[in-house]
Amino acid sequence: MTEYKLLEKQVGITGHYLQFSGVGGIIKQFPEDFIVNEITPSGKILTTGMEIGDDIGGMYVHFTLWKRGFDTNSALKRICNICGHNEKDFGYAGLKDAQAVTFQRISVWAGQKDCLERINLPDLKVINPIRQKFGIAIGDLIGNHFQVKIRNIQRKADDLELNSFCSDAEMNGFLNYYGLQRFGSKRPILHKFGQYLLQEKYSLAIDLYLGASSEFENENITKIRQMYNEEESLEEIFELFPFAYSFERKMLSGLMKGSSKERIIKSFPMYFLRLAISAYQSFIFNKILSNLHSQGYQILSKMKIPIIGYSTDISKLPLEIKALLQDFLTEDDLTLRSFSHQIKKLSSKGTERAAITKPSRIKMLADYSEDDSIQVHFSLSKGSYGTMFLREIMKNELF
């Protein structure tokens, strides 16, 4: 089993759905190999950035954010530093991959339009800032369009086979897993951190975040985490962590000041804490889906699986899902009441998600003349992960 498969297994991702031998290869060798364009509520694919519309006035500034090589929240922090905005005033329809080039819509309350118009950096650009009357909220999109280059192909499928795969994928779809980036692509621990938040075990949450290591992390960072596990000087560990590891440094700073573990956790941005709890819910979804698929469950294509929350009605679930859900919650020492958190903004009502999702606009173009690559274009509905479709094409998990 490859190291990447081991990482996927840690977050409940196993098995494949489509009958395709796989071509191998790697993705995301360069950010330009993975381009993500948001699809607006009106169905337009953001390509130039001008698709967001016209200036109609209002207290919000909307713009297209083009970024390369880092995540949405890091990009917004950078904009805050340049224009003096408050992070809480930004709105977006969804988070975009860090290891990619992405186009997405952003809104900001009482935004400094003149300042935003001047942001044109090599890895971050603000395109077409306009005034609008309402902000952008999570889910305010149809989906995303992907343009991906798979390099170092290990098996050369011909055009007939690739076209057949495209038809099969559009007709039958693929397993709608939450991808690794939901949990931490190099160190998938966010779901475990979220579990500790739900259990209100804040000390364990901090120890996990500071001390858990991964083979995919930088060797020097692994050594620093080991120092924490061996209870070496907090001051020395703090100095060794690079500034980019701001959450680790924030935790260490709180520990050095003698703050309680609960107070340290509550000082973190609410979006991060909500993301951690959402990662745990995603983990349970993945495990249920994986179990149903491995058991040969026949109606996956027509069913939805619960995203567990305090309002989930377990009594109305199919027996197979009910049994799995109860087992997983018991194993993690949680109940439905755990999702009604003492911090109200961390409470989660729960919802549901399709077990199978179908891509559209699929095009595959092979180029075996120079770098043995395949260019893949496709669209997915909101919430679905492009990497989970690509693993059906590659089937070697060498991301």
Protein backbone atom coordinates (compact mmCIF):
# COMPACT_ATOMS: atom_id res chain seq x y z
CA MET A 1 0.00 0.00 0.00
CA THR A 2 1.41 3.40 -1.00
CA GLU A 3 1.94 6.11 1.61
CA TYR A 4 -0.80 8.18 -0.03
CA LYS A 5 -3.26 5.32 0.21
CA LEU A 6 -2.44 5.09 3.91
CA LEU A 7 -3.26 8.79 4.30
CA GLU A 8 -6.55 8.31 2.45
CA LYS A 9 -7.44 5.33 4.61
CA GLN A 10 -6.93 7.49 7.72
CA VAL A 11 -9.82 9.70 6.58
CA GLY A 12 -12.11 6.91 5.36
CA ILE A 13 -11.33 6.97 1.62
CA THR A 14 -11.12 3.48 0.11
CA GLY A 15 -12.12 1.72 -3.08
CA HIS A 16 -13.13 2.93 -6.55
CA TYR A 17 -16.45 3.08 -8.36
CA LEU A 18 -15.74 3.21 -12.10
CA GLN A 19 -14.47 0.28 -14.19
CA PHE A 20 -11.28 1.82 -15.56
CA SER A 21 -7.79 0.39 -15.31
CA GLY A 22 -6.19 3.71 -14.41
CA VAL A 23 -3.30 5.55 -16.03
CA GLY A 24 -1.18 6.41 -12.99
CA GLY A 25 0.70 9.69 -12.97
CA ILE A 26 0.90 12.66 -10.63
CA ILE A 27 -1.02 15.92 -10.25
CA LYS A 28 -0.15 19.30 -8.72
CA GLN A 29 3.52 19.15 -9.65
CA PHE A 30 3.06 22.86 -10.36
CA PRO A 31 0.12 25.06 -9.28
CA GLU A 32 -0.68 25.68 -12.97
CA ASP A 33 -1.34 21.94 -13.35
CA PHE A 34 -4.50 22.32 -11.26
CA ILE A 35 -6.77 25.23 -12.25
CA VAL A 36 -10.12 25.71 -10.50
CA ASN A 37 -12.75 28.13 -11.84
CA GLU A 38 -15.82 28.81 -9.73
CA ILE A 39 -19.20 28.47 -11.46
CA THR A 40 -21.44 31.38 -10.42
CA PRO A 41 -25.11 31.02 -9.41
CA SER A 42 -26.02 32.20 -12.91
CA GLY A 43 -24.00 29.33 -14.43
CA LYS A 44 -21.02 31.36 -15.65
CA ILE A 45 -17.53 29.90 -15.32
CA LEU A 46 -15.14 32.49 -13.90
CA THR A 47 -12.39 32.70 -16.52
CA THR A 48 -11.49 36.38 -16.94
CA GLY A 49 -12.89 37.58 -13.61
CA MET A 50 -15.33 39.93 -15.31
CA GLU A 51 -18.22 37.46 -15.12
CA ILE A 52 -19.33 38.70 -11.67
CA GLY A 53 -21.44 41.49 -13.18
CA ASP A 54 -21.73 45.26 -13.09
CA ASP A 55 -21.38 47.83 -10.32
CA ILE A 56 -24.89 48.59 -8.98
CA GLY A 57 -23.89 50.34 -5.76
CA GLY A 58 -24.19 49.13 -2.20
CA MET A 59 -22.15 48.59 0.97
CA TYR A 60 -20.41 45.43 -0.25
CA VAL A 61 -17.52 45.18 -2.67
CA HIS A 62 -17.48 42.02 -4.79
CA PHE A 63 -14.39 40.93 -6.72
CA THR A 64 -12.81 37.93 -8.38
CA LEU A 65 -9.87 36.60 -6.40
CA TRP A 66 -7.14 34.97 -8.48
CA LYS A 67 -4.56 33.19 -6.38
CA ARG A 68 -1.71 30.79 -6.90
CA GLY A 69 -0.20 28.43 -4.36
CA PHE A 70 -2.04 29.18 -1.11
CA ASP A 71 -5.47 28.76 0.45
CA THR A 72 -8.41 31.16 0.50
CA ASN A 73 -8.07 32.25 4.13
CA SER A 74 -4.35 32.97 3.74
CA ALA A 75 -5.11 35.06 0.66
CA LEU A 76 -7.74 37.07 2.55
CA LYS A 77 -5.32 37.68 5.44
CA ARG A 78 -2.89 39.08 2.92
CA ILE A 79 -5.55 41.41 1.54
CA CYS A 80 -6.38 42.50 5.09
CA ASN A 81 -2.74 43.41 5.68
CA ILE A 82 -2.67 45.48 2.50
CA CYS A 83 -6.02 47.28 2.76
CA GLY A 84 -6.79 47.18 6.47
CA HIS A 85 -9.95 45.11 6.22
CA ASN A 86 -11.25 42.87 8.98
CA GLU A 87 -11.19 39.13 8.19
CA LYS A 88 -14.72 38.79 9.62
CA ASP A 89 -16.09 41.10 6.91
CA PHE A 90 -15.20 38.79 4.01
CA GLY A 91 -17.63 36.36 2.41
CA TYR A 92 -17.04 33.58 -0.09
CA ALA A 93 -18.98 30.67 -1.56
CA GLY A 94 -16.39 28.02 -0.71
CA LEU A 95 -12.74 27.38 0.08
CA LYS A 96 -10.38 26.71 -2.81
CA ASP A 97 -7.37 24.41 -2.99
CA ALA A 98 -3.99 25.80 -1.91
CA GLN A 99 -1.89 23.77 -4.37
CA ALA A 100 -3.58 25.28 -7.41
CA VAL A 101 -4.42 28.34 -9.47
CA THR A 102 -7.97 29.35 -8.60
CA PHE A 103 -10.65 31.90 -9.53
CA GLN A 104 -13.39 32.63 -7.00
CA ARG A 105 -15.83 35.38 -5.98
CA ILE A 106 -15.23 37.30 -2.76
CA SER A 107 -17.33 39.96 -1.00
CA VAL A 108 -16.25 42.36 1.72
CA TRP A 109 -18.46 44.62 3.82
CA ALA A 110 -17.56 48.30 3.46
CA GLY A 111 -14.61 47.33 1.28
CA GLN A 112 -11.89 49.78 0.28
CA LYS A 113 -12.47 49.57 -3.47
CA ASP A 114 -9.61 51.91 -4.40
CA CYS A 115 -7.12 49.82 -2.44
CA LEU A 116 -8.46 46.53 -3.75
CA GLU A 117 -8.12 47.73 -7.35
CA ARG A 118 -4.37 48.14 -6.80
CA ILE A 119 -3.73 44.56 -5.63
CA ASN A 120 -1.90 42.88 -8.50
CA LEU A 121 0.78 40.59 -7.07
CA PRO A 122 2.52 37.64 -8.75
CA ASP A 123 0.48 35.09 -6.76
CA LEU A 124 -2.61 37.12 -5.81
CA LYS A 125 -4.77 39.43 -7.90
CA VAL A 126 -8.04 41.27 -7.26
CA ILE A 127 -10.03 41.48 -10.49
CA ASN A 128 -12.99 43.76 -11.25
CA PRO A 129 -14.02 45.07 -7.79
CA ILE A 130 -17.63 46.27 -7.98
CA ARG A 131 -20.18 47.47 -5.44
CA GLN A 132 -23.18 45.26 -4.63
CA LYS A 133 -26.03 45.31 -2.13
CA PHE A 134 -25.52 41.84 -0.61
CA GLY A 135 -22.61 39.70 0.51
CA ILE A 136 -21.54 36.26 -0.69
CA ALA A 137 -22.22 33.29 1.61
CA ILE A 138 -21.03 29.69 1.82
CA GLY A 139 -22.76 27.61 -0.86
CA ASP A 140 -23.51 30.60 -3.09
CA LEU A 141 -22.31 28.86 -6.25
CA ILE A 142 -23.32 26.08 -8.63
CA GLY A 143 -19.99 24.30 -8.56
CA ASN A 144 -16.45 24.42 -9.94
CA HIS A 145 -14.79 23.75 -13.27
CA PHE A 146 -11.40 22.02 -13.26
CA GLN A 147 -8.54 22.03 -15.75
CA VAL A 148 -5.96 19.48 -14.63
CA LYS A 149 -2.74 18.14 -16.11
CA ILE A 150 -1.81 14.61 -15.04
CA ARG A 151 1.93 14.16 -15.58
CA ASN A 152 4.16 11.07 -15.83
CA ILE A 153 1.42 8.77 -17.13
CA GLN A 154 2.30 5.13 -16.48
CA ARG A 155 -0.25 3.53 -18.86
CA LYS A 156 -1.10 5.03 -22.23
CA ALA A 157 -4.83 4.72 -22.77
CA ASP A 158 -5.95 5.45 -26.33
CA ASP A 159 -8.61 7.98 -27.33
CA LEU A 160 -11.32 5.32 -27.60
CA GLU A 161 -10.74 4.16 -24.02
CA LEU A 162 -10.57 7.71 -22.68
CA ASN A 163 -13.81 8.68 -24.45
CA SER A 164 -15.50 5.56 -23.09
CA PHE A 165 -14.39 6.50 -19.58
CA CYS A 166 -15.80 10.03 -19.99
CA SER A 167 -19.19 8.62 -21.00
CA ASP A 168 -19.17 6.13 -18.12
CA ALA A 169 -18.25 8.84 -15.60
CA GLU A 170 -20.97 11.24 -16.77
CA MET A 171 -23.57 8.46 -16.65
CA ASN A 172 -22.63 6.69 -13.41
CA GLY A 173 -20.62 9.21 -11.37
CA PHE A 174 -18.10 8.41 -8.62
CA LEU A 175 -17.90 8.06 -4.84
CA ASN A 176 -18.58 11.51 -3.40
CA TYR A 177 -15.87 11.40 -0.74
CA TYR A 178 -14.56 14.47 1.04
CA GLY A 179 -10.99 14.81 -0.23
CA LEU A 180 -7.79 14.83 1.80
CA GLN A 181 -7.57 18.62 1.69
CA ARG A 182 -10.64 18.69 3.95
CA PHE A 183 -8.53 17.11 6.69
CA GLY A 184 -5.04 18.39 5.89
CA SER A 185 -3.35 17.13 2.73
CA LYS A 186 0.06 16.46 4.30
CA ARG A 187 -1.06 15.95 7.90
CA PRO A 188 -4.71 14.82 7.98
CA ILE A 189 -5.54 15.46 11.63
CA LEU A 190 -8.20 18.18 11.45
CA HIS A 191 -11.04 15.66 11.95
CA LYS A 192 -9.40 14.34 15.12
CA PHE A 193 -8.92 17.91 16.33
CA GLY A 194 -12.64 18.46 15.64
CA GLN A 195 -13.52 15.31 17.59
CA TYR A 196 -11.66 16.68 20.63
CA LEU A 197 -13.51 19.99 20.26
CA LEU A 198 -16.83 18.14 20.31
CA GLN A 199 -15.70 16.23 23.39
CA GLU A 200 -14.47 19.53 24.93
CA LYS A 201 -11.10 17.88 25.51
CA TYR A 202 -9.09 21.00 24.77
CA SER A 203 -5.81 19.75 26.21
CA LEU A 204 -5.84 16.76 23.86
CA ALA A 205 -6.71 19.05 20.94
CA ILE A 206 -3.66 21.23 21.61
CA ASP A 207 -1.33 18.26 22.13
CA LEU A 208 -2.54 16.77 18.86
CA TYR A 209 -2.13 19.94 16.85
CA LEU A 210 1.35 20.64 18.16
CA GLY A 211 2.68 17.11 18.43
CA ALA A 212 1.15 14.96 15.68
CA SER A 213 3.66 14.35 12.88
CA SER A 214 3.40 13.15 9.30
CA GLU A 215 5.85 11.59 6.84
CA PHE A 216 4.75 14.23 4.33
CA GLU A 217 5.79 17.18 6.48
CA ASN A 218 9.18 18.84 6.41
CA GLU A 219 11.74 16.86 8.43
CA ASN A 220 12.67 19.92 10.52
CA ILE A 221 9.01 20.48 11.46
CA THR A 222 8.75 16.82 12.51
CA LYS A 223 11.74 17.33 14.83
CA ILE A 224 10.10 20.39 16.39
CA ARG A 225 6.91 18.43 17.03
CA GLN A 226 8.97 15.70 18.64
CA MET A 227 10.51 18.29 20.96
CA TYR A 228 7.01 19.21 22.09
CA ASN A 229 6.12 15.57 22.69
CA GLU A 230 9.28 15.21 24.79
CA GLU A 231 8.23 18.27 26.84
CA GLU A 232 11.23 20.39 25.95
CA SER A 233 11.33 24.17 26.38
CA LEU A 234 8.17 25.84 25.05
CA GLU A 235 10.13 29.02 24.42
CA GLU A 236 12.67 27.18 22.27
CA ILE A 237 9.94 25.33 20.36
CA PHE A 238 8.13 28.62 19.76
CA GLU A 239 11.27 30.19 18.28
CA LEU A 240 11.90 27.19 16.03
CA PHE A 241 8.43 27.12 14.44
CA PRO A 242 8.46 29.30 11.27
CA PHE A 243 6.09 32.28 11.20
CA ALA A 244 3.96 30.44 8.62
CA TYR A 245 2.94 28.01 11.39
CA SER A 246 0.84 30.71 13.02
CA PHE A 247 -1.64 28.39 14.75
CA GLU A 248 1.16 26.38 16.40
CA ARG A 249 2.84 29.59 17.54
CA LYS A 250 -0.47 30.94 18.86
CA MET A 251 -1.00 27.79 20.93
CA LEU A 252 2.55 27.89 22.27
CA SER A 253 2.23 31.58 23.12
CA GLY A 254 -0.89 30.83 25.16
CA LEU A 255 0.81 27.95 26.96
CA MET A 256 3.82 30.10 27.82
CA LYS A 257 1.49 32.75 29.31
CA GLY A 258 -0.18 30.11 31.46
CA SER A 259 -3.59 30.46 29.77
CA SER A 260 -6.04 27.60 30.21
CA LYS A 261 -6.31 25.15 27.33
CA GLU A 262 -9.97 26.09 26.87
CA ARG A 263 -9.15 29.77 26.67
CA ILE A 264 -6.42 29.12 24.11
CA ILE A 265 -8.81 27.16 21.90
CA LYS A 266 -11.54 29.79 22.20
CA SER A 267 -9.07 32.48 21.07
CA PHE A 268 -8.79 30.88 17.64
CA PRO A 269 -10.71 32.18 14.61
CA MET A 270 -14.21 30.75 14.57
CA TYR A 271 -13.88 29.69 10.91
CA PHE A 272 -10.99 27.38 11.86
CA LEU A 273 -12.85 25.75 14.76
CA ARG A 274 -15.98 25.27 12.61
CA LEU A 275 -13.81 23.78 9.88
CA ALA A 276 -12.39 21.26 12.35
CA ILE A 277 -15.83 20.10 13.46
CA SER A 278 -16.93 19.95 9.82
CA ALA A 279 -13.86 17.79 9.12
CA TYR A 280 -15.02 15.31 11.77
CA GLN A 281 -18.50 15.19 10.22
CA SER A 282 -16.84 14.63 6.82
CA PHE A 283 -14.77 11.80 8.30
CA ILE A 284 -17.89 9.99 9.52
CA PHE A 285 -19.53 10.49 6.10
CA ASN A 286 -16.47 9.01 4.36
CA LYS A 287 -16.41 5.99 6.67
CA ILE A 288 -20.10 5.26 6.12
CA LEU A 289 -19.74 5.60 2.34
CA SER A 290 -16.66 3.40 2.30
CA ASN A 291 -18.37 0.69 4.33
CA LEU A 292 -21.52 0.69 2.20
CA HIS A 293 -19.47 0.51 -1.01
CA SER A 294 -17.24 -2.33 0.26
CA GLN A 295 -20.38 -4.28 1.23
CA GLY A 296 -21.71 -3.94 -2.32
CA TYR A 297 -24.65 -1.74 -1.32
CA GLN A 298 -26.80 -1.67 -4.47
CA ILE A 299 -28.56 1.70 -4.34
CA LEU A 300 -25.68 4.08 -3.62
CA SER A 301 -26.46 6.08 -6.75
CA LYS A 302 -29.89 7.02 -5.39
CA MET A 303 -29.12 7.60 -1.74
CA LYS A 304 -27.98 10.39 0.52
CA ILE A 305 -25.85 9.86 3.60
CA PRO A 306 -26.27 12.03 6.72
CA ILE A 307 -23.77 14.67 7.72
CA ILE A 308 -24.21 14.00 11.42
CA GLY A 309 -25.52 16.81 13.64
CA TYR A 310 -27.73 17.36 16.67
CA SER A 311 -30.91 17.23 14.55
CA THR A 312 -30.05 14.02 12.69
CA ASP A 313 -33.00 11.63 13.07
CA ILE A 314 -31.25 8.28 13.34
CA SER A 315 -34.57 6.43 13.63
CA LYS A 316 -35.42 7.29 10.00
CA LEU A 317 -32.15 6.07 8.51
CA PRO A 318 -31.75 2.75 6.67
CA LEU A 319 -30.72 0.01 9.10
CA GLU A 320 -27.22 -0.32 7.58
CA ILE A 321 -26.47 3.40 7.97
CA LYS A 322 -28.06 3.57 11.41
CA ALA A 323 -25.86 0.72 12.69
CA LEU A 324 -22.68 2.22 11.22
CA LEU A 325 -23.41 5.68 12.56
CA GLN A 326 -24.13 4.45 16.07
CA ASP A 327 -20.97 2.32 16.06
CA PHE A 328 -18.77 5.18 14.89
CA LEU A 329 -20.15 7.67 17.44
CA THR A 330 -19.80 5.14 20.28
CA GLU A 331 -16.24 4.40 19.19
CA ASP A 332 -15.41 8.12 19.34
CA ASP A 333 -17.23 8.67 22.66
CA LEU A 334 -19.76 11.07 21.12
CA THR A 335 -23.55 11.40 20.91
CA LEU A 336 -25.89 13.58 18.90
CA ARG A 337 -25.95 16.00 21.83
CA SER A 338 -22.20 16.54 21.35
CA PHE A 339 -23.00 18.55 18.22
CA SER A 340 -24.99 21.05 20.29
CA HIS A 341 -21.79 22.68 21.54
CA GLN A 342 -21.39 24.97 24.54
CA ILE A 343 -19.90 27.46 22.06
CA LYS A 344 -23.08 28.14 20.10
CA LYS A 345 -21.29 29.02 16.86
CA LEU A 346 -19.73 25.55 16.89
CA SER A 347 -23.09 23.77 17.10
CA SER A 348 -24.07 21.87 13.97
CA LYS A 349 -27.60 20.87 13.06
CA GLY A 350 -26.48 18.39 10.42
CA THR A 351 -27.58 17.79 6.85
CA GLU A 352 -27.07 15.14 4.17
CA ARG A 353 -24.93 14.55 1.10
CA ALA A 354 -25.26 12.44 -2.04
CA ALA A 355 -23.26 9.21 -1.96
CA ILE A 356 -22.54 9.45 -5.69
CA THR A 357 -21.91 12.60 -7.72
CA LYS A 358 -21.72 12.98 -11.49
CA PRO A 359 -19.19 15.17 -13.30
CA SER A 360 -20.12 17.05 -16.47
CA ARG A 361 -18.32 18.78 -19.37
CA ILE A 362 -15.63 16.05 -19.26
CA LYS A 363 -12.87 16.27 -21.85
CA MET A 364 -9.64 14.26 -21.86
CA LEU A 365 -6.74 14.94 -24.21
CA ALA A 366 -3.66 12.71 -24.12
CA ASP A 367 -0.20 13.97 -25.04
CA TYR A 368 2.31 11.15 -25.11
CA SER A 369 4.79 12.91 -27.42
CA GLU A 370 6.92 14.68 -24.80
CA ASP A 371 5.90 14.47 -21.14
CA ASP A 372 3.40 11.57 -21.18
CA SER A 373 0.52 13.65 -19.82
CA ILE A 374 -3.26 13.81 -19.99
CA GLN A 375 -5.22 17.06 -19.82
CA VAL A 376 -8.57 16.62 -18.04
CA HIS A 377 -11.37 19.21 -18.02
CA PHE A 378 -14.57 18.65 -16.02
CA SER A 379 -17.19 20.36 -13.88
CA LEU A 380 -18.53 19.28 -10.48
CA SER A 381 -21.44 20.46 -8.37
CA LYS A 382 -20.62 22.42 -5.22
CA GLY A 383 -19.08 20.50 -2.36
CA SER A 384 -17.59 17.73 -4.50
CA TYR A 385 -13.84 17.26 -4.79
CA GLY A 386 -11.97 17.22 -8.08
CA THR A 387 -9.22 15.07 -6.57
CA MET A 388 -11.77 12.34 -5.84
CA PHE A 389 -12.71 12.19 -9.52
CA LEU A 390 -9.07 12.22 -10.58
CA ARG A 391 -8.27 9.22 -8.37
CA GLU A 392 -10.76 7.26 -10.51
CA ILE A 393 -8.66 8.14 -13.56
CA MET A 394 -5.24 7.56 -12.00
CA LYS A 395 -5.91 4.71 -9.55
CA ASN A 396 -2.41 4.86 -8.09
CA GLU A 397 -2.97 7.71 -5.61
CA LEU A 398 0.42 9.27 -6.34
CA PHE A 399 -0.89 12.82 -5.86
